[in-house]
Every structure is written in C-alpha cells, then in structure tokens.
All heavy atoms as atom14 arrays in JSON, in Angstrom:
{
  "sequence": "GKRDRRGRPLKITSVAISDGTDTLHLTFFNSPWIT",
  "atom14_mask": [
    [1, 1, 1, 1, 0, 0, 0, 0, 0, 0, 0, 0, 0, 0],
    [1, 1, 1, 1, 1, 1, 1, 1, 1, 0, 0, 0, 0, 0],
    [1, 1, 1, 1, 1, 1, 1, 1, 1, 1, 1, 0, 0, 0],
    [1, 1, 1, 1, 1, 1, 1, 1, 0, 0, 0, 0, 0, 0],
    [1, 1, 1, 1, 1, 1, 1, 1, 1, 1, 1, 0, 0, 0],
    [1, 1, 1, 1, 1, 1, 1, 1, 1, 1, 1, 0, 0, 0],
    [1, 1, 1, 1, 0, 0, 0, 0, 0, 0, 0, 0, 0, 0],
    [1, 1, 1, 1, 1, 1, 1, 1, 1, 1, 1, 0, 0, 0],
    [1, 1, 1, 1, 1, 1, 1, 0, 0, 0, 0, 0, 0, 0],
    [1, 1, 1, 1, 1, 1, 1, 1, 0, 0, 0, 0, 0, 0],
    [1, 1, 1, 1, 1, 1, 1, 1, 1, 0, 0, 0, 0, 0],
    [1, 1, 1, 1, 1, 1, 1, 1, 0, 0, 0, 0, 0, 0],
    [1, 1, 1, 1, 1, 1, 1, 0, 0, 0, 0, 0, 0, 0],
    [1, 1, 1, 1, 1, 1, 0, 0, 0, 0, 0, 0, 0, 0],
    [1, 1, 1, 1, 1, 1, 1, 0, 0, 0, 0, 0, 0, 0],
    [1, 1, 1, 1, 1, 0, 0, 0, 0, 0, 0, 0, 0, 0],
    [1, 1, 1, 1, 1, 1, 1, 1, 0, 0, 0, 0, 0, 0],
    [1, 1, 1, 1, 1, 1, 0, 0, 0, 0, 0, 0, 0, 0],
    [1, 1, 1, 1, 1, 1, 1, 1, 0, 0, 0, 0, 0, 0],
    [1, 1, 1, 1, 0, 0, 0, 0, 0, 0, 0, 0, 0, 0],
    [1, 1, 1, 1, 1, 1, 1, 0, 0, 0, 0, 0, 0, 0],
    [1, 1, 1, 1, 1, 1, 1, 1, 0, 0, 0, 0, 0, 0],
    [1, 1, 1, 1, 1, 1, 1, 0, 0, 0, 0, 0, 0, 0],
    [1, 1, 1, 1, 1, 1, 1, 1, 0, 0, 0, 0, 0, 0],
    [1, 1, 1, 1, 1, 1, 1, 1, 1, 1, 0, 0, 0, 0],
    [1, 1, 1, 1, 1, 1, 1, 1, 0, 0, 0, 0, 0, 0],
    [1, 1, 1, 1, 1, 1, 1, 0, 0, 0, 0, 0, 0, 0],
    [1, 1, 1, 1, 1, 1, 1, 1, 1, 1, 1, 0, 0, 0],
    [1, 1, 1, 1, 1, 1, 1, 1, 1, 1, 1, 0, 0, 0],
    [1, 1, 1, 1, 1, 1, 1, 1, 0, 0, 0, 0, 0, 0],
    [1, 1, 1, 1, 1, 1, 0, 0, 0, 0, 0, 0, 0, 0],
    [1, 1, 1, 1, 1, 1, 1, 0, 0, 0, 0, 0, 0, 0],
    [1, 1, 1, 1, 1, 1, 1, 1, 1, 1, 1, 1, 1, 1],
    [1, 1, 1, 1, 1, 1, 1, 1, 0, 0, 0, 0, 0, 0],
    [1, 1, 1, 1, 1, 1, 1, 0, 0, 0, 0, 0, 0, 0]
  ],
  "atom14_positions": [
    [[129.42, 23.75, 0.58], [129.7, 24.44, 1.71], [130.51, 25.71, 1.42], [130.74, 26.52, 2.35], [0.0, 0.0, 0.0], [0.0, 0.0, 0.0], [0.0, 0.0, 0.0], [0.0, 0.0, 0.0], [0.0, 0.0, 0.0], [0.0, 0.0, 0.0], [0.0, 0.0, 0.0], [0.0, 0.0, 0.0], [0.0, 0.0, 0.0], [0.0, 0.0, 0.0]],
    [[130.86, 25.94, 0.12], [131.6, 27.08, -0.27], [130.58, 27.95, -1.01], [129.45, 27.79, -1.27], [132.66, 26.64, -1.24], [133.7, 25.72, -0.61], [134.7, 25.44, -1.63], [135.77, 24.49, -0.92], [136.81, 24.08, -1.99], [0.0, 0.0, 0.0], [0.0, 0.0, 0.0], [0.0, 0.0, 0.0], [0.0, 0.0, 0.0], [0.0, 0.0, 0.0]],
    [[131.08, 29.27, -1.34], [130.31, 30.28, -2.01], [130.92, 30.59, -3.27], [132.12, 30.61, -3.42], [130.06, 31.53, -1.16], [129.17, 31.08, 0.13], [128.73, 32.32, 0.88], [127.89, 32.01, 1.99], [126.52, 31.9, 1.8], [126.0, 32.21, 0.72], [125.77, 31.6, 2.86], [0.0, 0.0, 0.0], [0.0, 0.0, 0.0], [0.0, 0.0, 0.0]],
    [[130.18, 30.9, -4.36], [130.66, 31.42, -5.52], [131.07, 32.89, -5.48], [130.97, 33.49, -4.36], [129.75, 31.18, -6.79], [128.44, 31.93, -6.66], [128.36, 32.94, -5.93], [127.41, 31.58, -7.35], [0.0, 0.0, 0.0], [0.0, 0.0, 0.0], [0.0, 0.0, 0.0], [0.0, 0.0, 0.0], [0.0, 0.0, 0.0], [0.0, 0.0, 0.0]],
    [[131.5, 33.37, -6.6], [131.94, 34.78, -6.62], [130.95, 35.79, -6.26], [131.17, 36.94, -5.82], [132.5, 35.21, -8.1], [133.74, 34.38, -8.36], [134.29, 34.76, -9.75], [135.5, 33.98, -10.09], [136.12, 34.12, -11.35], [135.62, 34.87, -12.18], [137.24, 33.33, -11.49], [0.0, 0.0, 0.0], [0.0, 0.0, 0.0], [0.0, 0.0, 0.0]],
    [[129.66, 35.5, -6.4], [128.5, 36.4, -6.12], [128.03, 36.16, -4.64], [127.13, 36.77, -4.16], [127.38, 36.18, -7.07], [127.74, 36.45, -8.52], [126.52, 36.37, -9.38], [126.88, 36.6, -10.84], [125.95, 36.41, -11.84], [124.72, 36.13, -11.55], [126.34, 36.71, -13.07], [0.0, 0.0, 0.0], [0.0, 0.0, 0.0], [0.0, 0.0, 0.0]],
    [[128.73, 35.3, -4.0], [128.31, 35.04, -2.55], [127.17, 33.94, -2.48], [126.8, 33.71, -1.25], [0.0, 0.0, 0.0], [0.0, 0.0, 0.0], [0.0, 0.0, 0.0], [0.0, 0.0, 0.0], [0.0, 0.0, 0.0], [0.0, 0.0, 0.0], [0.0, 0.0, 0.0], [0.0, 0.0, 0.0], [0.0, 0.0, 0.0], [0.0, 0.0, 0.0]],
    [[126.82, 33.35, -3.45], [125.77, 32.31, -3.34], [126.25, 30.98, -2.96], [127.51, 30.71, -3.32], [124.94, 32.17, -4.78], [124.32, 33.47, -5.21], [123.89, 33.27, -6.69], [124.92, 32.84, -7.64], [124.79, 32.62, -8.9], [123.57, 32.71, -9.41], [125.88, 32.36, -9.65], [0.0, 0.0, 0.0], [0.0, 0.0, 0.0], [0.0, 0.0, 0.0]],
    [[125.55, 30.16, -2.3], [126.02, 28.86, -1.88], [126.38, 27.97, -3.22], [125.64, 28.05, -4.22], [124.94, 28.2, -1.31], [124.09, 29.31, -0.72], [124.13, 30.42, -1.79], [0.0, 0.0, 0.0], [0.0, 0.0, 0.0], [0.0, 0.0, 0.0], [0.0, 0.0, 0.0], [0.0, 0.0, 0.0], [0.0, 0.0, 0.0], [0.0, 0.0, 0.0]],
    [[127.51, 27.42, -3.2], [128.06, 26.7, -4.37], [127.48, 25.34, -4.42], [127.75, 24.54, -3.52], [129.6, 26.65, -4.45], [130.23, 26.0, -5.62], [129.86, 26.72, -6.92], [131.69, 25.92, -5.57], [0.0, 0.0, 0.0], [0.0, 0.0, 0.0], [0.0, 0.0, 0.0], [0.0, 0.0, 0.0], [0.0, 0.0, 0.0], [0.0, 0.0, 0.0]],
    [[126.69, 25.03, -5.47], [126.12, 23.67, -5.63], [126.72, 23.01, -6.82], [126.95, 23.63, -7.87], [124.62, 23.69, -5.73], [123.92, 24.28, -4.51], [122.32, 24.35, -4.63], [121.71, 24.93, -3.42], [120.18, 24.9, -3.64], [0.0, 0.0, 0.0], [0.0, 0.0, 0.0], [0.0, 0.0, 0.0], [0.0, 0.0, 0.0], [0.0, 0.0, 0.0]],
    [[126.93, 21.79, -6.79], [127.41, 20.9, -7.82], [126.45, 19.78, -8.24], [125.91, 19.12, -7.31], [128.8, 20.28, -7.44], [129.83, 21.36, -7.23], [129.28, 19.32, -8.45], [131.18, 20.78, -6.82], [0.0, 0.0, 0.0], [0.0, 0.0, 0.0], [0.0, 0.0, 0.0], [0.0, 0.0, 0.0], [0.0, 0.0, 0.0], [0.0, 0.0, 0.0]],
    [[126.17, 19.76, -9.52], [125.35, 18.65, -10.04], [126.26, 17.7, -10.8], [126.91, 18.11, -11.69], [124.23, 19.17, -11.0], [123.35, 20.05, -10.22], [123.42, 18.09, -11.61], [0.0, 0.0, 0.0], [0.0, 0.0, 0.0], [0.0, 0.0, 0.0], [0.0, 0.0, 0.0], [0.0, 0.0, 0.0], [0.0, 0.0, 0.0], [0.0, 0.0, 0.0]],
    [[126.27, 16.4, -10.3], [127.11, 15.37, -10.89], [126.21, 14.44, -11.68], [125.16, 13.91, -10.94], [127.85, 14.7, -9.84], [128.77, 15.46, -9.22], [0.0, 0.0, 0.0], [0.0, 0.0, 0.0], [0.0, 0.0, 0.0], [0.0, 0.0, 0.0], [0.0, 0.0, 0.0], [0.0, 0.0, 0.0], [0.0, 0.0, 0.0], [0.0, 0.0, 0.0]],
    [[126.49, 14.14, -12.8], [125.79, 13.3, -13.67], [126.68, 12.08, -14.19], [127.65, 12.33, -14.77], [125.12, 13.97, -14.93], [124.2, 13.05, -15.76], [124.32, 15.31, -14.47], [0.0, 0.0, 0.0], [0.0, 0.0, 0.0], [0.0, 0.0, 0.0], [0.0, 0.0, 0.0], [0.0, 0.0, 0.0], [0.0, 0.0, 0.0], [0.0, 0.0, 0.0]],
    [[126.21, 10.97, -13.97], [127.01, 9.74, -14.58], [126.29, 9.3, -15.79], [125.07, 9.0, -15.71], [127.08, 8.65, -13.56], [0.0, 0.0, 0.0], [0.0, 0.0, 0.0], [0.0, 0.0, 0.0], [0.0, 0.0, 0.0], [0.0, 0.0, 0.0], [0.0, 0.0, 0.0], [0.0, 0.0, 0.0], [0.0, 0.0, 0.0], [0.0, 0.0, 0.0]],
    [[127.07, 9.24, -16.96], [126.36, 8.68, -18.13], [127.21, 7.43, -18.61], [128.48, 7.34, -18.25], [126.48, 9.73, -19.22], [127.98, 10.19, -19.54], [125.66, 10.88, -18.87], [127.94, 11.15, -20.69], [0.0, 0.0, 0.0], [0.0, 0.0, 0.0], [0.0, 0.0, 0.0], [0.0, 0.0, 0.0], [0.0, 0.0, 0.0], [0.0, 0.0, 0.0]],
    [[126.63, 6.66, -19.39], [127.28, 5.5, -19.94], [126.86, 5.08, -21.31], [125.71, 5.34, -21.7], [127.04, 4.22, -18.96], [127.59, 3.0, -19.43], [0.0, 0.0, 0.0], [0.0, 0.0, 0.0], [0.0, 0.0, 0.0], [0.0, 0.0, 0.0], [0.0, 0.0, 0.0], [0.0, 0.0, 0.0], [0.0, 0.0, 0.0], [0.0, 0.0, 0.0]],
    [[127.68, 4.58, -22.18], [127.29, 4.04, -23.44], [127.37, 2.48, -23.56], [127.37, 1.93, -24.56], [128.23, 4.68, -24.47], [129.7, 4.23, -24.38], [130.02, 3.59, -23.38], [130.43, 4.48, -25.38], [0.0, 0.0, 0.0], [0.0, 0.0, 0.0], [0.0, 0.0, 0.0], [0.0, 0.0, 0.0], [0.0, 0.0, 0.0], [0.0, 0.0, 0.0]],
    [[127.49, 1.87, -22.44], [127.65, 0.37, -22.41], [129.04, -0.12, -22.31], [129.22, -1.32, -21.96], [0.0, 0.0, 0.0], [0.0, 0.0, 0.0], [0.0, 0.0, 0.0], [0.0, 0.0, 0.0], [0.0, 0.0, 0.0], [0.0, 0.0, 0.0], [0.0, 0.0, 0.0], [0.0, 0.0, 0.0], [0.0, 0.0, 0.0], [0.0, 0.0, 0.0]],
    [[130.0, 0.79, -22.75], [131.47, 0.4, -22.7], [132.15, 0.93, -21.43], [133.03, 0.2, -20.9], [132.21, 0.84, -23.92], [132.28, 2.31, -23.85], [131.53, 0.38, -25.2], [0.0, 0.0, 0.0], [0.0, 0.0, 0.0], [0.0, 0.0, 0.0], [0.0, 0.0, 0.0], [0.0, 0.0, 0.0], [0.0, 0.0, 0.0], [0.0, 0.0, 0.0]],
    [[131.73, 2.05, -20.96], [132.35, 2.74, -19.8], [131.41, 3.79, -19.23], [130.31, 4.13, -19.8], [133.62, 3.27, -20.26], [134.75, 3.35, -19.15], [134.27, 3.31, -18.01], [135.98, 3.32, -19.44], [0.0, 0.0, 0.0], [0.0, 0.0, 0.0], [0.0, 0.0, 0.0], [0.0, 0.0, 0.0], [0.0, 0.0, 0.0], [0.0, 0.0, 0.0]],
    [[131.94, 4.41, -18.1], [131.08, 5.46, -17.54], [131.92, 6.83, -17.59], [133.15, 6.76, -17.49], [130.89, 5.09, -16.02], [130.09, 3.95, -16.06], [130.06, 6.23, -15.47], [0.0, 0.0, 0.0], [0.0, 0.0, 0.0], [0.0, 0.0, 0.0], [0.0, 0.0, 0.0], [0.0, 0.0, 0.0], [0.0, 0.0, 0.0], [0.0, 0.0, 0.0]],
    [[131.23, 7.94, -17.8], [131.83, 9.26, -17.83], [131.01, 10.15, -16.84], [129.71, 9.97, -16.82], [131.82, 9.87, -19.24], [132.41, 11.18, -19.4], [133.88, 11.3, -19.06], [132.09, 11.71, -20.88], [0.0, 0.0, 0.0], [0.0, 0.0, 0.0], [0.0, 0.0, 0.0], [0.0, 0.0, 0.0], [0.0, 0.0, 0.0], [0.0, 0.0, 0.0]],
    [[131.68, 11.08, -16.23], [131.03, 11.92, -15.34], [130.84, 13.34, -15.89], [131.83, 13.89, -16.44], [131.66, 12.0, -13.86], [131.64, 10.66, -13.18], [130.7, 10.39, -12.21], [132.44, 9.6, -13.23], [130.82, 9.24, -11.84], [131.98, 8.59, -12.41], [0.0, 0.0, 0.0], [0.0, 0.0, 0.0], [0.0, 0.0, 0.0], [0.0, 0.0, 0.0]],
    [[129.73, 13.97, -15.65], [129.42, 15.36, -16.07], [129.32, 16.14, -14.8], [128.67, 15.85, -13.89], [128.25, 15.45, -16.91], [128.04, 14.38, -18.03], [126.72, 14.66, -18.67], [129.1, 14.39, -19.02], [0.0, 0.0, 0.0], [0.0, 0.0, 0.0], [0.0, 0.0, 0.0], [0.0, 0.0, 0.0], [0.0, 0.0, 0.0], [0.0, 0.0, 0.0]],
    [[129.98, 17.45, -14.83], [129.9, 18.27, -13.68], [129.44, 19.62, -14.04], [129.83, 20.24, -15.02], [131.36, 18.4, -13.04], [131.83, 17.2, -12.72], [131.23, 19.31, -11.86], [0.0, 0.0, 0.0], [0.0, 0.0, 0.0], [0.0, 0.0, 0.0], [0.0, 0.0, 0.0], [0.0, 0.0, 0.0], [0.0, 0.0, 0.0], [0.0, 0.0, 0.0]],
    [[128.35, 20.07, -13.24], [127.71, 21.44, -13.59], [127.77, 22.2, -12.25], [127.44, 21.52, -11.17], [126.35, 21.17, -14.07], [126.19, 20.47, -15.37], [125.99, 19.07, -15.33], [126.14, 21.04, -16.56], [125.82, 18.41, -16.5], [126.1, 20.45, -17.72], [125.83, 18.95, -17.73], [0.0, 0.0, 0.0], [0.0, 0.0, 0.0], [0.0, 0.0, 0.0]],
    [[128.05, 23.44, -12.27], [128.08, 24.23, -11.11], [126.86, 25.19, -11.1], [126.59, 25.87, -12.17], [129.32, 25.12, -11.02], [130.61, 24.31, -10.89], [131.31, 23.92, -11.95], [131.02, 23.74, -9.64], [132.48, 23.24, -11.86], [132.13, 22.97, -9.49], [132.91, 22.74, -10.59], [0.0, 0.0, 0.0], [0.0, 0.0, 0.0], [0.0, 0.0, 0.0]],
    [[126.11, 25.27, -9.98], [125.06, 26.18, -9.78], [124.01, 26.22, -10.97], [123.84, 27.25, -11.64], [125.45, 27.6, -9.45], [125.94, 27.8, -8.02], [125.86, 26.8, -7.26], [126.29, 28.92, -7.7], [0.0, 0.0, 0.0], [0.0, 0.0, 0.0], [0.0, 0.0, 0.0], [0.0, 0.0, 0.0], [0.0, 0.0, 0.0], [0.0, 0.0, 0.0]],
    [[123.62, 24.93, -11.43], [122.86, 24.86, -12.57], [121.6, 23.87, -12.19], [121.47, 22.77, -12.73], [123.6, 24.14, -13.76], [124.68, 24.96, -14.04], [0.0, 0.0, 0.0], [0.0, 0.0, 0.0], [0.0, 0.0, 0.0], [0.0, 0.0, 0.0], [0.0, 0.0, 0.0], [0.0, 0.0, 0.0], [0.0, 0.0, 0.0], [0.0, 0.0, 0.0]],
    [[120.79, 24.4, -11.39], [119.64, 23.49, -10.79], [118.75, 23.02, -11.91], [118.12, 21.98, -11.82], [118.89, 24.45, -9.82], [119.25, 25.83, -10.22], [120.71, 25.75, -10.82], [0.0, 0.0, 0.0], [0.0, 0.0, 0.0], [0.0, 0.0, 0.0], [0.0, 0.0, 0.0], [0.0, 0.0, 0.0], [0.0, 0.0, 0.0], [0.0, 0.0, 0.0]],
    [[118.67, 23.77, -13.05], [117.68, 23.32, -14.09], [118.04, 22.05, -14.78], [117.39, 21.5, -15.54], [117.52, 24.43, -15.09], [118.93, 24.76, -15.79], [119.32, 24.19, -16.98], [119.79, 25.78, -15.4], [120.57, 24.78, -17.17], [120.93, 25.77, -16.34], [119.8, 26.68, -14.43], [121.9, 26.6, -16.18], [120.93, 27.54, -14.28], [122.06, 27.41, -15.15]],
    [[119.45, 21.72, -14.65], [119.87, 20.52, -15.26], [118.98, 19.33, -14.94], [118.73, 18.48, -15.75], [121.35, 20.18, -14.83], [122.25, 21.33, -15.29], [121.86, 18.84, -15.31], [122.23, 21.35, -16.9], [0.0, 0.0, 0.0], [0.0, 0.0, 0.0], [0.0, 0.0, 0.0], [0.0, 0.0, 0.0], [0.0, 0.0, 0.0], [0.0, 0.0, 0.0]],
    [[118.47, 19.31, -13.72], [117.75, 18.05, -13.29], [116.36, 17.99, -14.0], [115.77, 16.9, -13.9], [117.52, 18.05, -11.79], [116.86, 19.26, -11.36], [118.84, 17.93, -11.03], [0.0, 0.0, 0.0], [0.0, 0.0, 0.0], [0.0, 0.0, 0.0], [0.0, 0.0, 0.0], [0.0, 0.0, 0.0], [0.0, 0.0, 0.0], [0.0, 0.0, 0.0]]
  ]
}
C-alpha cells in the first residue's frame, strides 16, 4: 500500500527457508523475478 522513491507501488516478496533445524525468512523489495 506504500510507494517507493520512484513512486511505484511497493511490493515485498517473503521467502521462508529451512535447513531442518530452524526457519529463516528472506525479504526482497520490488523484485518480482525472485519467484
């Protein structure tokens, strides 16, 4: 619902990863190619 410095809608990509012992979250801003 916010916009970045260039006025574009701000999108967040959240990735949850695990190595079997625990979970860690990865955060990417305006990076649609990540998927």
